[in-house]
PDB file of N, CA and C in Angstrom:
ATOM      1  N   MET A   1     114.852  71.542  83.941  1.00  0.00           N
ATOM      2  CA  MET A   1     116.187  71.969  84.313  1.00  0.00           C
ATOM      3  C   MET A   1     117.063  71.824  83.080  1.00  0.00           C
ATOM      4  N   LEU A   2     117.837  72.843  82.782  1.00  0.00           N
ATOM      5  CA  LEU A   2     118.770  72.787  81.658  1.00  0.00           C
ATOM      6  C   LEU A   2     120.048  72.089  82.109  1.00  0.00           C
ATOM      7  N   ILE A   3     120.475  71.137  81.313  1.00  0.00           N
ATOM      8  CA  ILE A   3     121.662  70.350  81.640  1.00  0.00           C
ATOM      9  C   ILE A   3     122.651  70.464  80.495  1.00  0.00           C
ATOM     10  N   PRO A   4     123.918  70.749  80.803  1.00  0.00           N
ATOM     11  CA  PRO A   4     124.919  70.828  79.738  1.00  0.00           C
ATOM     12  C   PRO A   4     125.003  69.496  78.992  1.00  0.00           C
ATOM     13  N   PRO A   5     125.090  69.531  77.681  1.00  0.00           N
ATOM     14  CA  PRO A   5     125.130  68.285  76.904  1.00  0.00           C
ATOM     15  C   PRO A   5     126.207  67.301  77.367  1.00  0.00           C
ATOM     16  N   HIS A   6     127.367  67.816  77.757  1.00  0.00           N
ATOM     17  CA  HIS A   6     128.449  66.906  78.152  1.00  0.00           C
ATOM     18  C   HIS A   6     128.204  66.272  79.529  1.00  0.00           C
ATOM     19  N   LYS A   7     127.116  66.695  80.220  1.00  0.00           N
ATOM     20  CA  LYS A   7     126.777  66.112  81.519  1.00  0.00           C
ATOM     21  C   LYS A   7     125.382  65.481  81.493  1.00  0.00           C
ATOM     22  N   SER A   8     124.981  65.004  80.318  1.00  0.00           N
ATOM     23  CA  SER A   8     123.645  64.429  80.192  1.00  0.00           C
ATOM     24  C   SER A   8     123.663  62.921  79.971  1.00  0.00           C
ATOM     25  N   ALA A   9     124.807  62.317  80.081  1.00  0.00           N
ATOM     26  CA  ALA A   9     124.915  60.864  79.914  1.00  0.00           C
ATOM     27  C   ALA A   9     124.180  60.160  81.058  1.00  0.00           C
ATOM     28  N   PRO A  10     123.783  58.903  80.853  1.00  0.00           N
ATOM     29  CA  PRO A  10     123.044  58.166  81.885  1.00  0.00           C
ATOM     30  C   PRO A  10     123.704  58.156  83.263  1.00  0.00           C
ATOM     31  N   ASP A  11     125.032  58.180  83.319  1.00  0.00           N
ATOM     32  CA  ASP A  11     125.686  58.154  84.630  1.00  0.00           C
ATOM     33  C   ASP A  11     125.497  59.464  85.405  1.00  0.00           C
ATOM     34  N   TRP A  12     125.022  60.506  84.759  1.00  0.00           N
ATOM     35  CA  TRP A  12     124.733  61.778  85.428  1.00  0.00           C
ATOM     36  C   TRP A  12     123.303  61.833  85.968  1.00  0.00           C
ATOM     37  N   ILE A  13     122.434  60.922  85.571  1.00  0.00           N
ATOM     38  CA  ILE A  13     121.025  60.973  85.970  1.00  0.00           C
ATOM     39  C   ILE A  13     120.838  61.054  87.483  1.00  0.00           C
ATOM     40  N   PRO A  14     121.498  60.216  88.284  1.00  0.00           N
ATOM     41  CA  PRO A  14     121.308  60.345  89.748  1.00  0.00           C
ATOM     42  C   PRO A  14     121.668  61.734  90.274  1.00  0.00           C
ATOM     43  N   HIS A  15     122.717  62.313  89.735  1.00  0.00           N
ATOM     44  CA  HIS A  15     123.121  63.659  90.151  1.00  0.00           C
ATOM     45  C   HIS A  15     122.016  64.668  89.861  1.00  0.00           C
ATOM     46  N   TRP A  16     121.475  64.656  88.643  1.00  0.00           N
ATOM     47  CA  TRP A  16     120.462  65.641  88.257  1.00  0.00           C
ATOM     48  C   TRP A  16     119.143  65.386  88.973  1.00  0.00           C
ATOM     49  N   GLU A  17     118.807  64.124  89.230  1.00  0.00           N
ATOM     50  CA  GLU A  17     117.589  63.831  89.989  1.00  0.00           C
ATOM     51  C   GLU A  17     117.696  64.363  91.415  1.00  0.00           C
ATOM     52  N   LYS A  18     118.856  64.174  92.041  1.00  0.00           N
ATOM     53  CA  LYS A  18     119.072  64.686  93.400  1.00  0.00           C
ATOM     54  C   LYS A  18     119.030  66.215  93.403  1.00  0.00           C
ATOM     55  N   THR A  19     119.681  66.834  92.425  1.00  0.00           N
ATOM     56  CA  THR A  19     119.696  68.297  92.327  1.00  0.00           C
ATOM     57  C   THR A  19     118.282  68.835  92.170  1.00  0.00           C
ATOM     58  N   PHE A  20     117.510  68.232  91.280  1.00  0.00           N
ATOM     59  CA  PHE A  20     116.143  68.688  91.060  1.00  0.00           C
ATOM     60  C   PHE A  20     115.315  68.516  92.328  1.00  0.00           C
ATOM     61  N   ARG A  21     115.452  67.383  93.000  1.00  0.00           N
ATOM     62  CA  ARG A  21     114.707  67.120  94.228  1.00  0.00           C
ATOM     63  C   ARG A  21     115.033  68.170  95.295  1.00  0.00           C
ATOM     64  N   LEU A  22     116.312  68.505  95.450  1.00  0.00           N
ATOM     65  CA  LEU A  22     116.712  69.519  96.425  1.00  0.00           C
ATOM     66  C   LEU A  22     116.110  70.884  96.096  1.00  0.00           C
ATOM     67  N   ILE A  23     116.114  71.214  94.816  1.00  0.00           N
ATOM     68  CA  ILE A  23     115.531  72.496  94.392  1.00  0.00           C
ATOM     69  C   ILE A  23     114.026  72.487  94.616  1.00  0.00           C
ATOM     70  N   GLU A  24     113.368  71.442  94.151  1.00  0.00           N
ATOM     71  CA  GLU A  24     111.906  71.354  94.241  1.00  0.00           C
ATOM     72  C   GLU A  24     111.420  71.335  95.688  1.00  0.00           C
ATOM     73  N   GLU A  25     112.021  70.483  96.505  1.00  0.00           N
ATOM     74  CA  GLU A  25     111.542  70.321  97.876  1.00  0.00           C
ATOM     75  C   GLU A  25     112.091  71.379  98.830  1.00  0.00           C
ATOM     76  N   GLY A  26     113.154  72.017  98.445  1.00  0.00           N
ATOM     77  CA  GLY A  26     113.770  73.009  99.314  1.00  0.00           C
ATOM     78  C   GLY A  26     113.437  74.417  98.896  1.00  0.00           C
ATOM     79  N   VAL A  27     114.243  74.944  98.036  1.00  0.00           N
ATOM     80  CA  VAL A  27     114.139  76.345  97.640  1.00  0.00           C
ATOM     81  C   VAL A  27     112.780  76.670  97.031  1.00  0.00           C
ATOM     82  N   PHE A  28     112.341  75.867  96.075  1.00  0.00           N
ATOM     83  CA  PHE A  28     111.107  76.207  95.367  1.00  0.00           C
ATOM     84  C   PHE A  28     109.907  76.188  96.301  1.00  0.00           C
ATOM     85  N   GLN A  29     109.707  75.095  97.021  1.00  0.00           N
ATOM     86  CA  GLN A  29     108.537  74.971  97.882  1.00  0.00           C
ATOM     87  C   GLN A  29     108.591  75.893  99.100  1.00  0.00           C
ATOM     88  N   LYS A  30     109.777  76.085  99.660  1.00  0.00           N
ATOM     89  CA  LYS A  30     109.882  76.837 100.908  1.00  0.00           C
ATOM     90  C   LYS A  30     110.106  78.333 100.725  1.00  0.00           C
ATOM     91  N   GLU A  31     110.619  78.739  99.566  1.00  0.00           N
ATOM     92  CA  GLU A  31     110.947  80.156  99.386  1.00  0.00           C
ATOM     93  C   GLU A  31     110.309  80.775  98.147  1.00  0.00           C
ATOM     94  N   ASP A  32     110.509  80.162  96.993  1.00  0.00           N
ATOM     95  CA  ASP A  32     110.110  80.790  95.734  1.00  0.00           C
ATOM     96  C   ASP A  32     108.616  81.027  95.618  1.00  0.00           C
ATOM     97  N   ILE A  33     107.808  80.063  96.040  1.00  0.00           N
ATOM     98  CA  ILE A  33     106.358  80.231  95.919  1.00  0.00           C
ATOM     99  C   ILE A  33     105.882  81.407  96.770  1.00  0.00           C
ATOM    100  N   ALA A  34     106.355  81.492  98.011  1.00  0.00           N
ATOM    101  CA  ALA A  34     105.961  82.608  98.880  1.00  0.00           C
ATOM    102  C   ALA A  34     106.389  83.945  98.283  1.00  0.00           C
ATOM    103  N   CYS A  35     107.595  83.997  97.736  1.00  0.00           N
ATOM    104  CA  CYS A  35     108.065  85.240  97.101  1.00  0.00           C
ATOM    105  C   CYS A  35     107.207  85.599  95.898  1.00  0.00           C
ATOM    106  N   ALA A  36     106.887  84.606  95.078  1.00  0.00           N
ATOM    107  CA  ALA A  36     106.081  84.861  93.887  1.00  0.00           C
ATOM    108  C   ALA A  36     104.697  85.386  94.257  1.00  0.00           C
ATOM    109  N   ILE A  37     104.112  84.826  95.296  1.00  0.00           N
ATOM    110  CA  ILE A  37     102.793  85.298  95.751  1.00  0.00           C
ATOM    111  C   ILE A  37     102.886  86.754  96.197  1.00  0.00           C
ATOM    112  N   GLY A  38     103.900  87.076  96.983  1.00  0.00           N
ATOM    113  CA  GLY A  38     104.078  88.447  97.436  1.00  0.00           C
ATOM    114  C   GLY A  38     104.305  89.422  96.291  1.00  0.00           C
ATOM    115  N   ILE A  39     105.089  89.009  95.320  1.00  0.00           N
ATOM    116  CA  ILE A  39     105.349  89.853  94.154  1.00  0.00           C
ATOM    117  C   ILE A  39     104.062  90.116  93.385  1.00  0.00           C
ATOM    118  N   GLN A  40     103.285  89.059  93.144  1.00  0.00           N
ATOM    119  CA  GLN A  40     102.031  89.231  92.410  1.00  0.00           C
ATOM    120  C   GLN A  40     101.050  90.127  93.171  1.00  0.00           C
ATOM    121  N   GLN A  41     101.000  89.985  94.487  1.00  0.00           N
ATOM    122  CA  GLN A  41     100.129  90.852  95.289  1.00  0.00           C
ATOM    123  C   GLN A  41     100.584  92.307  95.188  1.00  0.00           C
ATOM    124  N   GLY A  42     101.884  92.516  95.240  1.00  0.00           N
ATOM    125  CA  GLY A  42     102.409  93.875  95.117  1.00  0.00           C
ATOM    126  C   GLY A  42     102.114  94.481  93.762  1.00  0.00           C
ATOM    127  N   LEU A  43     102.300  93.696  92.702  1.00  0.00           N
ATOM    128  CA  LEU A  43     102.009  94.201  91.356  1.00  0.00           C
ATOM    129  C   LEU A  43     100.523  94.493  91.178  1.00  0.00           C
ATOM    130  N   ALA A  44      99.681  93.619  91.728  1.00  0.00           N
ATOM    131  CA  ALA A  44      98.234  93.802  91.594  1.00  0.00           C
ATOM    132  C   ALA A  44      97.718  95.007  92.379  1.00  0.00           C
ATOM    133  N   SER A  45      98.487  95.484  93.350  1.00  0.00           N
ATOM    134  CA  SER A  45      98.037  96.615  94.166  1.00  0.00           C
ATOM    135  C   SER A  45      97.975  97.913  93.372  1.00  0.00           C
ATOM    136  N   GLY A  46      98.736  97.977  92.292  1.00  0.00           N
ATOM    137  CA  GLY A  46      98.758  99.193  91.488  1.00  0.00           C
ATOM    138  C   GLY A  46      99.628 100.290  92.070  1.00  0.00           C
ATOM    139  N   ALA A  47     100.389  99.987  93.099  1.00  0.00           N
ATOM    140  CA  ALA A  47     101.218 100.988  93.769  1.00  0.00           C
ATOM    141  C   ALA A  47     102.394 101.440  92.909  1.00  0.00           C
ATOM    142  N   ASN A  48     102.825 100.615  91.976  1.00  0.00           N
ATOM    143  CA  ASN A  48     103.969 100.962  91.125  1.00  0.00           C
ATOM    144  C   ASN A  48     103.513 101.233  89.705  1.00  0.00           C
ATOM    145  N   THR A  49     104.108 102.224  89.102  1.00  0.00           N
ATOM    146  CA  THR A  49     103.761 102.546  87.719  1.00  0.00           C
ATOM    147  C   THR A  49     104.602 101.761  86.718  1.00  0.00           C
ATOM    148  N   HIS A  50     105.733 101.208  87.175  1.00  0.00           N
ATOM    149  CA  HIS A  50     106.580 100.417  86.281  1.00  0.00           C
ATOM    150  C   HIS A  50     107.439  99.467  87.107  1.00  0.00           C
ATOM    151  N   LEU A  51     108.075  98.549  86.424  1.00  0.00           N
ATOM    152  CA  LEU A  51     108.936  97.569  87.060  1.00  0.00           C
ATOM    153  C   LEU A  51     110.223  97.489  86.254  1.00  0.00           C
ATOM    154  N   THR A  52     111.337  97.570  86.924  1.00  0.00           N
ATOM    155  CA  THR A  52     112.634  97.444  86.267  1.00  0.00           C
ATOM    156  C   THR A  52     113.271  96.137  86.706  1.00  0.00           C
ATOM    157  N   ALA A  53     113.557  95.261  85.749  1.00  0.00           N
ATOM    158  CA  ALA A  53     114.201  93.985  86.048  1.00  0.00           C
ATOM    159  C   ALA A  53     115.697  94.126  85.827  1.00  0.00           C
ATOM    160  N   GLY A  54     116.469  93.455  86.637  1.00  0.00           N
ATOM    161  CA  GLY A  54     117.918  93.496  86.507  1.00  0.00           C
ATOM    162  C   GLY A  54     118.421  92.668  85.336  1.00  0.00           C
ATOM    163  N   ARG A  55     119.682  92.805  85.030  1.00  0.00           N
ATOM    164  CA  ARG A  55     120.283  92.070  83.920  1.00  0.00           C
ATOM    165  C   ARG A  55     120.179  90.560  84.075  1.00  0.00           C
ATOM    166  N   ALA A  56     120.176  90.081  85.310  1.00  0.00           N
ATOM    167  CA  ALA A  56     120.094  88.642  85.551  1.00  0.00           C
ATOM    168  C   ALA A  56     118.704  88.092  85.236  1.00  0.00           C
ATOM    169  N   GLU A  57     117.753  88.965  84.998  1.00  0.00           N
ATOM    170  CA  GLU A  57     116.378  88.541  84.733  1.00  0.00           C
ATOM    171  C   GLU A  57     115.996  88.716  83.262  1.00  0.00           C
ATOM    172  N   ALA A  58     116.946  88.589  82.364  1.00  0.00           N
ATOM    173  CA  ALA A  58     116.689  88.769  80.927  1.00  0.00           C
ATOM    174  C   ALA A  58     115.602  87.830  80.416  1.00  0.00           C
ATOM    175  N   ALA A  59     115.508  86.641  81.000  1.00  0.00           N
ATOM    176  CA  ALA A  59     114.512  85.674  80.535  1.00  0.00           C
ATOM    177  C   ALA A  59     113.085  86.196  80.701  1.00  0.00           C
ATOM    178  N   LEU A  60     112.859  87.111  81.645  1.00  0.00           N
ATOM    179  CA  LEU A  60     111.529  87.710  81.797  1.00  0.00           C
ATOM    180  C   LEU A  60     111.115  88.422  80.512  1.00  0.00           C
ATOM    181  N   GLY A  61     112.018  89.209  79.985  1.00  0.00           N
ATOM    182  CA  GLY A  61     111.743  89.922  78.742  1.00  0.00           C
ATOM    183  C   GLY A  61     111.548  88.977  77.573  1.00  0.00           C
ATOM    184  N   TRP A  62     112.374  87.955  77.505  1.00  0.00           N
ATOM    185  CA  TRP A  62     112.246  86.969  76.413  1.00  0.00           C
ATOM    186  C   TRP A  62     110.883  86.293  76.476  1.00  0.00           C
ATOM    187  N   PHE A  63     110.472  85.905  77.686  1.00  0.00           N
ATOM    188  CA  PHE A  63     109.187  85.243  77.859  1.00  0.00           C
ATOM    189  C   PHE A  63     108.044  86.142  77.393  1.00  0.00           C
ATOM    190  N   HIS A  64     108.019  87.374  77.880  1.00  0.00           N
ATOM    191  CA  HIS A  64     106.921  88.267  77.538  1.00  0.00           C
ATOM    192  C   HIS A  64     106.928  88.635  76.058  1.00  0.00           C
ATOM    193  N   ALA A  65     108.109  88.793  75.479  1.00  0.00           N
ATOM    194  CA  ALA A  65     108.188  89.074  74.045  1.00  0.00           C
ATOM    195  C   ALA A  65     107.663  87.888  73.241  1.00  0.00           C
ATOM    196  N   ASP A  66     107.976  86.671  73.672  1.00  0.00           N
ATOM    197  CA  ASP A  66     107.502  85.476  72.971  1.00  0.00           C
ATOM    198  C   ASP A  66     105.984  85.339  73.095  1.00  0.00           C
ATOM    199  N   VAL A  67     105.443  85.592  74.287  1.00  0.00           N
ATOM    200  CA  VAL A  67     103.995  85.539  74.471  1.00  0.00           C
ATOM    201  C   VAL A  67     103.332  86.573  73.573  1.00  0.00           C
ATOM    202  N   ALA A  68     103.856  87.803  73.562  1.00  0.00           N
ATOM    203  CA  ALA A  68     103.289  88.864  72.726  1.00  0.00           C
ATOM    204  C   ALA A  68     103.362  88.479  71.243  1.00  0.00           C
ATOM    205  N   ARG A  69     104.488  87.901  70.843  1.00  0.00           N
ATOM    206  CA  ARG A  69     104.641  87.490  69.436  1.00  0.00           C
ATOM    207  C   ARG A  69     103.598  86.429  69.076  1.00  0.00           C
ATOM    208  N   ARG A  70     103.429  85.466  69.940  1.00  0.00           N
ATOM    209  CA  ARG A  70     102.488  84.383  69.668  1.00  0.00           C
ATOM    210  C   ARG A  70     101.031  84.860  69.689  1.00  0.00           C
ATOM    211  N   LEU A  71     100.751  85.876  70.494  1.00  0.00           N
ATOM    212  CA  LEU A  71      99.403  86.437  70.562  1.00  0.00           C
ATOM    213  C   LEU A  71      99.169  87.481  69.469  1.00  0.00           C
ATOM    214  N   GLY A  72     100.253  87.874  68.796  1.00  0.00           N
ATOM    215  CA  GLY A  72     100.131  88.883  67.749  1.00  0.00           C
ATOM    216  C   GLY A  72      99.962  90.279  68.296  1.00  0.00           C
ATOM    217  N   THR A  73     100.489  90.524  69.490  1.00  0.00           N
ATOM    218  CA  THR A  73     100.396  91.844  70.099  1.00  0.00           C
ATOM    219  C   THR A  73     101.781  92.444  70.213  1.00  0.00           C
ATOM    220  N   ALA A  74     101.849  93.725  70.396  1.00  0.00           N
ATOM    221  CA  ALA A  74     103.141  94.400  70.535  1.00  0.00           C
ATOM    222  C   ALA A  74     103.698  94.148  71.927  1.00  0.00           C
ATOM    223  N   ALA A  75     104.984  93.848  71.994  1.00  0.00           N
ATOM    224  CA  ALA A  75     105.649  93.660  73.285  1.00  0.00           C
ATOM    225  C   ALA A  75     105.893  95.017  73.916  1.00  0.00           C
ATOM    226  N   VAL A  76     105.794  95.087  75.222  1.00  0.00           N
ATOM    227  CA  VAL A  76     106.075  96.307  75.949  1.00  0.00           C
ATOM    228  C   VAL A  76     107.583  96.465  76.054  1.00  0.00           C
ATOM    229  N   ALA A  77     108.096  97.618  75.663  1.00  0.00           N
ATOM    230  CA  ALA A  77     109.536  97.868  75.754  1.00  0.00           C
ATOM    231  C   ALA A  77     109.945  97.928  77.211  1.00  0.00           C
ATOM    232  N   GLY A  78     111.130  97.423  77.495  1.00  0.00           N
ATOM    233  CA  GLY A  78     111.532  97.434  78.887  1.00  0.00           C
ATOM    234  C   GLY A  78     112.906  97.719  79.046  1.00  0.00           C
TER     235      GLY A  78
END
């Protein structure tokens, strides 16, 4: 979890631990994993010829570009 530097002092630790626990035990376990499985199944079906990610998903492109760079392969333009 990314934490702003001005909120990383020891007195903030209980807050961030509680926040992480709520995310991990709530949203991530109950929603995100099921969504990710469905997305991967849909992509693996071959039904779509391309995928367009919204502006809020810029990190997807950064991740894939970094993987491609590290593997020495060309990144797919998106």
